[in-house]
Structures are given as structure tokens and as C-alpha cells.
Amino acid sequence: MPKEIMGILTYTADETAAILGVTKRTLISYLKTGKIVAGKIGGRWAITEKQIKDFITQGSIIDNRPGSTAGMFEPGKK
């Protein structure tokens, strides 16, 4: 069951893996490599509903944190 933190729905790694139809191990790999950007709260992954929707529609999450170049689009490159 998602948890609401400051008005934002967050999901655990187990819940997110089930939603995406992948194993928890695969999801953790996505998180560690930045394919999905999320944070830990109290030592546990907290993945927002928006991050899950973005992953589903885009195939990965763009890291919008200041200074990050992850997910930068370069014209002419695939």
C-alpha cells in the first residue's frame, strides 16, 4: 500500500517491482544505475508515483537533480 509523504504517494521497492512486473533485484539494479531515480527514507527506497509513471512512459527517468548530466539528450545520437 503506497505511503503518502507530504502529499506525494511513495511506493516501496517491493510494491514498485510488482507494479512494473520485474523482480525486486531488477528494480534495485534500475535504482542503482539511475534508470529510475529515487531516494531512501529511513534506509528504505521510496519511489514516487510520478517516477513510476515516467519510467513506464519514457523507459527511464531523467535525473533532474542540480548538476546531473544523467539522461541528457544529445541531438543526432540514439
PDB file of N, CA and C in Angstrom:
ATOM      1  N   MET A   1       0.846  -1.175   0.000  1.00  0.00           N
ATOM      2  CA  MET A   1       0.000   0.000   0.000  1.00  0.00           C
ATOM      3  C   MET A   1       0.890   1.237   0.000  1.00  0.00           C
ATOM      4  N   PRO A   2       0.667   2.140  -0.946  1.00  0.00           N
ATOM      5  CA  PRO A   2       1.518   3.334  -1.001  1.00  0.00           C
ATOM      6  C   PRO A   2       1.395   4.178   0.258  1.00  0.00           C
ATOM      7  N   LYS A   3       2.468   4.890   0.524  1.00  0.00           N
ATOM      8  CA  LYS A   3       2.509   5.772   1.685  1.00  0.00           C
ATOM      9  C   LYS A   3       2.544   7.206   1.184  1.00  0.00           C
ATOM     10  N   GLU A   4       1.768   8.067   1.826  1.00  0.00           N
ATOM     11  CA  GLU A   4       1.758   9.473   1.431  1.00  0.00           C
ATOM     12  C   GLU A   4       2.711  10.246   2.319  1.00  0.00           C
ATOM     13  N   ILE A   5       3.652  10.935   1.698  1.00  0.00           N
ATOM     14  CA  ILE A   5       4.619  11.766   2.404  1.00  0.00           C
ATOM     15  C   ILE A   5       4.502  13.171   1.837  1.00  0.00           C
ATOM     16  N   MET A   6       4.072  14.089   2.656  1.00  0.00           N
ATOM     17  CA  MET A   6       3.891  15.490   2.254  1.00  0.00           C
ATOM     18  C   MET A   6       3.051  15.614   0.984  1.00  0.00           C
ATOM     19  N   GLY A   7       1.997  14.813   0.890  1.00  0.00           N
ATOM     20  CA  GLY A   7       1.096  14.874  -0.249  1.00  0.00           C
ATOM     21  C   GLY A   7       1.564  14.130  -1.482  1.00  0.00           C
ATOM     22  N   ILE A   8       2.693  13.417  -1.380  1.00  0.00           N
ATOM     23  CA  ILE A   8       3.235  12.672  -2.517  1.00  0.00           C
ATOM     24  C   ILE A   8       3.142  11.178  -2.220  1.00  0.00           C
ATOM     25  N   LEU A   9       2.518  10.423  -3.133  1.00  0.00           N
ATOM     26  CA  LEU A   9       2.432   8.979  -2.955  1.00  0.00           C
ATOM     27  C   LEU A   9       3.789   8.343  -3.230  1.00  0.00           C
ATOM     28  N   THR A  10       4.252   7.527  -2.300  1.00  0.00           N
ATOM     29  CA  THR A  10       5.510   6.804  -2.487  1.00  0.00           C
ATOM     30  C   THR A  10       5.267   5.313  -2.329  1.00  0.00           C
ATOM     31  N   TYR A  11       6.077   4.550  -3.024  1.00  0.00           N
ATOM     32  CA  TYR A  11       5.973   3.092  -3.012  1.00  0.00           C
ATOM     33  C   TYR A  11       7.294   2.494  -2.567  1.00  0.00           C
ATOM     34  N   THR A  12       7.226   1.323  -1.967  1.00  0.00           N
ATOM     35  CA  THR A  12       8.430   0.592  -1.573  1.00  0.00           C
ATOM     36  C   THR A  12       9.009  -0.088  -2.813  1.00  0.00           C
ATOM     37  N   ALA A  13      10.196  -0.636  -2.646  1.00  0.00           N
ATOM     38  CA  ALA A  13      10.822  -1.374  -3.751  1.00  0.00           C
ATOM     39  C   ALA A  13       9.976  -2.582  -4.129  1.00  0.00           C
ATOM     40  N   ASP A  14       9.443  -3.285  -3.152  1.00  0.00           N
ATOM     41  CA  ASP A  14       8.601  -4.455  -3.444  1.00  0.00           C
ATOM     42  C   ASP A  14       7.354  -4.059  -4.228  1.00  0.00           C
ATOM     43  N   GLU A  15       6.694  -2.988  -3.788  1.00  0.00           N
ATOM     44  CA  GLU A  15       5.484  -2.520  -4.469  1.00  0.00           C
ATOM     45  C   GLU A  15       5.788  -2.071  -5.891  1.00  0.00           C
ATOM     46  N   THR A  16       6.875  -1.340  -6.059  1.00  0.00           N
ATOM     47  CA  THR A  16       7.249  -0.838  -7.386  1.00  0.00           C
ATOM     48  C   THR A  16       7.608  -1.984  -8.313  1.00  0.00           C
ATOM     49  N   ALA A  17       8.339  -2.961  -7.816  1.00  0.00           N
ATOM     50  CA  ALA A  17       8.695  -4.124  -8.635  1.00  0.00           C
ATOM     51  C   ALA A  17       7.427  -4.837  -9.117  1.00  0.00           C
ATOM     52  N   ALA A  18       6.457  -4.985  -8.230  1.00  0.00           N
ATOM     53  CA  ALA A  18       5.198  -5.640  -8.604  1.00  0.00           C
ATOM     54  C   ALA A  18       4.451  -4.829  -9.660  1.00  0.00           C
ATOM     55  N   ILE A  19       4.415  -3.522  -9.502  1.00  0.00           N
ATOM     56  CA  ILE A  19       3.740  -2.648 -10.466  1.00  0.00           C
ATOM     57  C   ILE A  19       4.389  -2.775 -11.847  1.00  0.00           C
ATOM     58  N   LEU A  20       5.709  -2.796 -11.887  1.00  0.00           N
ATOM     59  CA  LEU A  20       6.442  -2.848 -13.153  1.00  0.00           C
ATOM     60  C   LEU A  20       6.578  -4.255 -13.718  1.00  0.00           C
ATOM     61  N   GLY A  21       6.250  -5.263 -12.912  1.00  0.00           N
ATOM     62  CA  GLY A  21       6.344  -6.647 -13.375  1.00  0.00           C
ATOM     63  C   GLY A  21       7.774  -7.142 -13.497  1.00  0.00           C
ATOM     64  N   VAL A  22       8.648  -6.640 -12.624  1.00  0.00           N
ATOM     65  CA  VAL A  22      10.041  -7.087 -12.597  1.00  0.00           C
ATOM     66  C   VAL A  22      10.349  -7.615 -11.201  1.00  0.00           C
ATOM     67  N   THR A  23      11.481  -8.277 -11.073  1.00  0.00           N
ATOM     68  CA  THR A  23      11.876  -8.752  -9.751  1.00  0.00           C
ATOM     69  C   THR A  23      12.405  -7.574  -8.939  1.00  0.00           C
ATOM     70  N   LYS A  24      12.443  -7.755  -7.640  1.00  0.00           N
ATOM     71  CA  LYS A  24      12.991  -6.708  -6.781  1.00  0.00           C
ATOM     72  C   LYS A  24      14.463  -6.492  -7.119  1.00  0.00           C
ATOM     73  N   ARG A  25      15.163  -7.552  -7.439  1.00  0.00           N
ATOM     74  CA  ARG A  25      16.580  -7.451  -7.795  1.00  0.00           C
ATOM     75  C   ARG A  25      16.777  -6.574  -9.040  1.00  0.00           C
ATOM     76  N   THR A  26      15.921  -6.760 -10.040  1.00  0.00           N
ATOM     77  CA  THR A  26      15.980  -5.938 -11.247  1.00  0.00           C
ATOM     78  C   THR A  26      15.680  -4.485 -10.912  1.00  0.00           C
ATOM     79  N   LEU A  27      14.668  -4.250 -10.102  1.00  0.00           N
ATOM     80  CA  LEU A  27      14.325  -2.885  -9.717  1.00  0.00           C
ATOM     81  C   LEU A  27      15.485  -2.214  -8.994  1.00  0.00           C
ATOM     82  N   ILE A  28      16.116  -2.920  -8.071  1.00  0.00           N
ATOM     83  CA  ILE A  28      17.259  -2.351  -7.344  1.00  0.00           C
ATOM     84  C   ILE A  28      18.375  -2.003  -8.328  1.00  0.00           C
ATOM     85  N   SER A  29      18.563  -2.830  -9.344  1.00  0.00           N
ATOM     86  CA  SER A  29      19.555  -2.537 -10.377  1.00  0.00           C
ATOM     87  C   SER A  29      19.196  -1.242 -11.105  1.00  0.00           C
ATOM     88  N   TYR A  30      17.914  -1.071 -11.451  1.00  0.00           N
ATOM     89  CA  TYR A  30      17.457   0.161 -12.094  1.00  0.00           C
ATOM     90  C   TYR A  30      17.749   1.363 -11.202  1.00  0.00           C
ATOM     91  N   LEU A  31      17.512   1.213  -9.906  1.00  0.00           N
ATOM     92  CA  LEU A  31      17.724   2.316  -8.966  1.00  0.00           C
ATOM     93  C   LEU A  31      19.204   2.652  -8.830  1.00  0.00           C
ATOM     94  N   LYS A  32      20.040   1.631  -8.742  1.00  0.00           N
ATOM     95  CA  LYS A  32      21.472   1.858  -8.550  1.00  0.00           C
ATOM     96  C   LYS A  32      22.159   2.427  -9.788  1.00  0.00           C
ATOM     97  N   THR A  33      21.631   2.101 -10.958  1.00  0.00           N
ATOM     98  CA  THR A  33      22.237   2.594 -12.194  1.00  0.00           C
ATOM     99  C   THR A  33      21.620   3.905 -12.663  1.00  0.00           C
ATOM    100  N   GLY A  34      20.585   4.364 -11.980  1.00  0.00           N
ATOM    101  CA  GLY A  34      19.954   5.626 -12.338  1.00  0.00           C
ATOM    102  C   GLY A  34      18.881   5.521 -13.405  1.00  0.00           C
ATOM    103  N   LYS A  35      18.537   4.302 -13.804  1.00  0.00           N
ATOM    104  CA  LYS A  35      17.457   4.130 -14.773  1.00  0.00           C
ATOM    105  C   LYS A  35      16.151   4.644 -14.169  1.00  0.00           C
ATOM    106  N   ILE A  36      16.010   4.461 -12.876  1.00  0.00           N
ATOM    107  CA  ILE A  36      14.935   5.079 -12.100  1.00  0.00           C
ATOM    108  C   ILE A  36      15.624   5.849 -10.982  1.00  0.00           C
ATOM    109  N   VAL A  37      15.276   7.122 -10.856  1.00  0.00           N
ATOM    110  CA  VAL A  37      15.873   7.945  -9.812  1.00  0.00           C
ATOM    111  C   VAL A  37      14.920   7.992  -8.634  1.00  0.00           C
ATOM    112  N   ALA A  38      15.405   7.602  -7.482  1.00  0.00           N
ATOM    113  CA  ALA A  38      14.590   7.605  -6.260  1.00  0.00           C
ATOM    114  C   ALA A  38      15.515   7.846  -5.081  1.00  0.00           C
ATOM    115  N   GLY A  39      14.928   7.964  -3.930  1.00  0.00           N
ATOM    116  CA  GLY A  39      15.725   8.191  -2.736  1.00  0.00           C
ATOM    117  C   GLY A  39      15.371   7.203  -1.648  1.00  0.00           C
ATOM    118  N   LYS A  40      16.179   7.214  -0.631  1.00  0.00           N
ATOM    119  CA  LYS A  40      15.916   6.359   0.519  1.00  0.00           C
ATOM    120  C   LYS A  40      15.429   7.218   1.674  1.00  0.00           C
ATOM    121  N   ILE A  41      14.435   6.724   2.348  1.00  0.00           N
ATOM    122  CA  ILE A  41      13.924   7.356   3.555  1.00  0.00           C
ATOM    123  C   ILE A  41      13.975   6.294   4.641  1.00  0.00           C
ATOM    124  N   GLY A  42      14.723   6.579   5.689  1.00  0.00           N
ATOM    125  CA  GLY A  42      14.859   5.596   6.760  1.00  0.00           C
ATOM    126  C   GLY A  42      15.487   4.298   6.303  1.00  0.00           C
ATOM    127  N   GLY A  43      16.388   4.389   5.313  1.00  0.00           N
ATOM    128  CA  GLY A  43      17.080   3.193   4.832  1.00  0.00           C
ATOM    129  C   GLY A  43      16.290   2.369   3.837  1.00  0.00           C
ATOM    130  N   ARG A  44      15.110   2.815   3.467  1.00  0.00           N
ATOM    131  CA  ARG A  44      14.281   2.082   2.506  1.00  0.00           C
ATOM    132  C   ARG A  44      14.028   2.952   1.278  1.00  0.00           C
ATOM    133  N   TRP A  45      13.985   2.301   0.120  1.00  0.00           N
ATOM    134  CA  TRP A  45      13.712   3.032  -1.107  1.00  0.00           C
ATOM    135  C   TRP A  45      12.312   3.608  -1.061  1.00  0.00           C
ATOM    136  N   ALA A  46      12.160   4.837  -1.531  1.00  0.00           N
ATOM    137  CA  ALA A  46      10.861   5.493  -1.667  1.00  0.00           C
ATOM    138  C   ALA A  46      10.766   5.989  -3.109  1.00  0.00           C
ATOM    139  N   ILE A  47       9.903   5.339  -3.889  1.00  0.00           N
ATOM    140  CA  ILE A  47       9.755   5.663  -5.295  1.00  0.00           C
ATOM    141  C   ILE A  47       8.408   6.353  -5.461  1.00  0.00           C
ATOM    142  N   THR A  48       8.409   7.536  -6.057  1.00  0.00           N
ATOM    143  CA  THR A  48       7.154   8.276  -6.183  1.00  0.00           C
ATOM    144  C   THR A  48       6.326   7.751  -7.346  1.00  0.00           C
ATOM    145  N   GLU A  49       5.044   8.054  -7.254  1.00  0.00           N
ATOM    146  CA  GLU A  49       4.124   7.675  -8.318  1.00  0.00           C
ATOM    147  C   GLU A  49       4.562   8.292  -9.644  1.00  0.00           C
ATOM    148  N   LYS A  50       5.016   9.538  -9.609  1.00  0.00           N
ATOM    149  CA  LYS A  50       5.480  10.218 -10.822  1.00  0.00           C
ATOM    150  C   LYS A  50       6.690   9.498 -11.421  1.00  0.00           C
ATOM    151  N   GLN A  51       7.621   9.059 -10.578  1.00  0.00           N
ATOM    152  CA  GLN A  51       8.799   8.361 -11.089  1.00  0.00           C
ATOM    153  C   GLN A  51       8.407   7.055 -11.775  1.00  0.00           C
ATOM    154  N   ILE A  52       7.410   6.375 -11.226  1.00  0.00           N
ATOM    155  CA  ILE A  52       6.939   5.127 -11.844  1.00  0.00           C
ATOM    156  C   ILE A  52       6.274   5.430 -13.183  1.00  0.00           C
ATOM    157  N   LYS A  53       5.398   6.441 -13.207  1.00  0.00           N
ATOM    158  CA  LYS A  53       4.720   6.806 -14.460  1.00  0.00           C
ATOM    159  C   LYS A  53       5.724   7.249 -15.515  1.00  0.00           C
ATOM    160  N   ASP A  54       6.708   8.046 -15.114  1.00  0.00           N
ATOM    161  CA  ASP A  54       7.733   8.491 -16.065  1.00  0.00           C
ATOM    162  C   ASP A  54       8.508   7.308 -16.625  1.00  0.00           C
ATOM    163  N   PHE A  55       8.853   6.359 -15.784  1.00  0.00           N
ATOM    164  CA  PHE A  55       9.584   5.186 -16.242  1.00  0.00           C
ATOM    165  C   PHE A  55       8.756   4.406 -17.261  1.00  0.00           C
ATOM    166  N   ILE A  56       7.471   4.253 -16.981  1.00  0.00           N
ATOM    167  CA  ILE A  56       6.593   3.498 -17.884  1.00  0.00           C
ATOM    168  C   ILE A  56       6.479   4.203 -19.230  1.00  0.00           C
ATOM    169  N   THR A  57       6.327   5.513 -19.211  1.00  0.00           N
ATOM    170  CA  THR A  57       6.115   6.237 -20.467  1.00  0.00           C
ATOM    171  C   THR A  57       7.408   6.550 -21.214  1.00  0.00           C
ATOM    172  N   GLN A  58       8.513   6.723 -20.491  1.00  0.00           N
ATOM    173  CA  GLN A  58       9.775   7.108 -21.122  1.00  0.00           C
ATOM    174  C   GLN A  58      10.800   5.992 -21.176  1.00  0.00           C
ATOM    175  N   GLY A  59      10.607   4.957 -20.393  1.00  0.00           N
ATOM    176  CA  GLY A  59      11.566   3.860 -20.355  1.00  0.00           C
ATOM    177  C   GLY A  59      12.694   4.082 -19.378  1.00  0.00           C
ATOM    178  N   SER A  60      12.824   5.296 -18.902  1.00  0.00           N
ATOM    179  CA  SER A  60      13.795   5.603 -17.863  1.00  0.00           C
ATOM    180  C   SER A  60      13.447   6.962 -17.293  1.00  0.00           C
ATOM    181  N   ILE A  61      14.068   7.287 -16.211  1.00  0.00           N
ATOM    182  CA  ILE A  61      13.815   8.543 -15.540  1.00  0.00           C
ATOM    183  C   ILE A  61      14.989   9.468 -15.798  1.00  0.00           C
ATOM    184  N   ILE A  62      14.713  10.717 -16.089  1.00  0.00           N
ATOM    185  CA  ILE A  62      15.766  11.705 -16.252  1.00  0.00           C
ATOM    186  C   ILE A  62      16.060  12.289 -14.884  1.00  0.00           C
ATOM    187  N   ASP A  63      17.304  12.289 -14.522  1.00  0.00           N
ATOM    188  CA  ASP A  63      17.738  12.814 -13.225  1.00  0.00           C
ATOM    189  C   ASP A  63      17.773  14.333 -13.317  1.00  0.00           C
ATOM    190  N   ASN A  64      16.830  14.978 -12.652  1.00  0.00           N
ATOM    191  CA  ASN A  64      16.734  16.435 -12.701  1.00  0.00           C
ATOM    192  C   ASN A  64      17.445  17.118 -11.549  1.00  0.00           C
ATOM    193  N   ARG A  65      18.249  16.366 -10.796  1.00  0.00           N
ATOM    194  CA  ARG A  65      18.950  16.984  -9.679  1.00  0.00           C
ATOM    195  C   ARG A  65      19.984  17.969 -10.203  1.00  0.00           C
ATOM    196  N   PRO A  66      20.187  19.074  -9.483  1.00  0.00           N
ATOM    197  CA  PRO A  66      21.165  20.064  -9.929  1.00  0.00           C
ATOM    198  C   PRO A  66      22.534  19.437 -10.189  1.00  0.00           C
ATOM    199  N   GLY A  67      23.127  19.781 -11.323  1.00  0.00           N
ATOM    200  CA  GLY A  67      24.459  19.298 -11.664  1.00  0.00           C
ATOM    201  C   GLY A  67      24.493  17.950 -12.352  1.00  0.00           C
ATOM    202  N   SER A  68      23.349  17.261 -12.428  1.00  0.00           N
ATOM    203  CA  SER A  68      23.335  15.943 -13.033  1.00  0.00           C
ATOM    204  C   SER A  68      23.312  16.038 -14.565  1.00  0.00           C
ATOM    205  N   THR A  69      24.042  15.130 -15.197  1.00  0.00           N
ATOM    206  CA  THR A  69      24.008  15.055 -16.649  1.00  0.00           C
ATOM    207  C   THR A  69      23.364  13.752 -17.096  1.00  0.00           C
ATOM    208  N   ALA A  70      22.855  12.971 -16.139  1.00  0.00           N
ATOM    209  CA  ALA A  70      22.212  11.698 -16.463  1.00  0.00           C
ATOM    210  C   ALA A  70      20.980  11.952 -17.318  1.00  0.00           C
ATOM    211  N   GLY A  71      20.838  11.202 -18.358  1.00  0.00           N
ATOM    212  CA  GLY A  71      19.662  11.300 -19.215  1.00  0.00           C
ATOM    213  C   GLY A  71      19.675  12.501 -20.156  1.00  0.00           C
ATOM    214  N   MET A  72      20.812  13.155 -20.290  1.00  0.00           N
ATOM    215  CA  MET A  72      20.887  14.307 -21.172  1.00  0.00           C
ATOM    216  C   MET A  72      20.730  13.852 -22.615  1.00  0.00           C
ATOM    217  N   PHE A  73      19.944  14.561 -23.378  1.00  0.00           N
ATOM    218  CA  PHE A  73      19.699  14.232 -24.780  1.00  0.00           C
ATOM    219  C   PHE A  73      20.708  14.945 -25.662  1.00  0.00           C
ATOM    220  N   GLU A  74      21.324  14.189 -26.521  1.00  0.00           N
ATOM    221  CA  GLU A  74      22.257  14.780 -27.471  1.00  0.00           C
ATOM    222  C   GLU A  74      21.665  14.588 -28.873  1.00  0.00           C
ATOM    223  N   PRO A  75      21.320  15.671 -29.568  1.00  0.00           N
ATOM    224  CA  PRO A  75      20.745  15.551 -30.896  1.00  0.00           C
ATOM    225  C   PRO A  75      21.627  14.709 -31.822  1.00  0.00           C
ATOM    226  N   GLY A  76      20.967  13.875 -32.616  1.00  0.00           N
ATOM    227  CA  GLY A  76      21.689  13.049 -33.575  1.00  0.00           C
ATOM    228  C   GLY A  76      22.229  11.751 -32.999  1.00  0.00           C
ATOM    229  N   LYS A  77      22.091  11.542 -31.685  1.00  0.00           N
ATOM    230  CA  LYS A  77      22.581  10.289 -31.076  1.00  0.00           C
ATOM    231  C   LYS A  77      21.395   9.493 -30.582  1.00  0.00           C
ATOM    232  N   LYS A  78      21.533   8.186 -30.710  1.00  0.00           N
ATOM    233  CA  LYS A  78      20.467   7.288 -30.236  1.00  0.00           C
ATOM    234  C   LYS A  78      20.879   6.626 -28.960  1.00  0.00           C
TER     235      LYS A  78
END
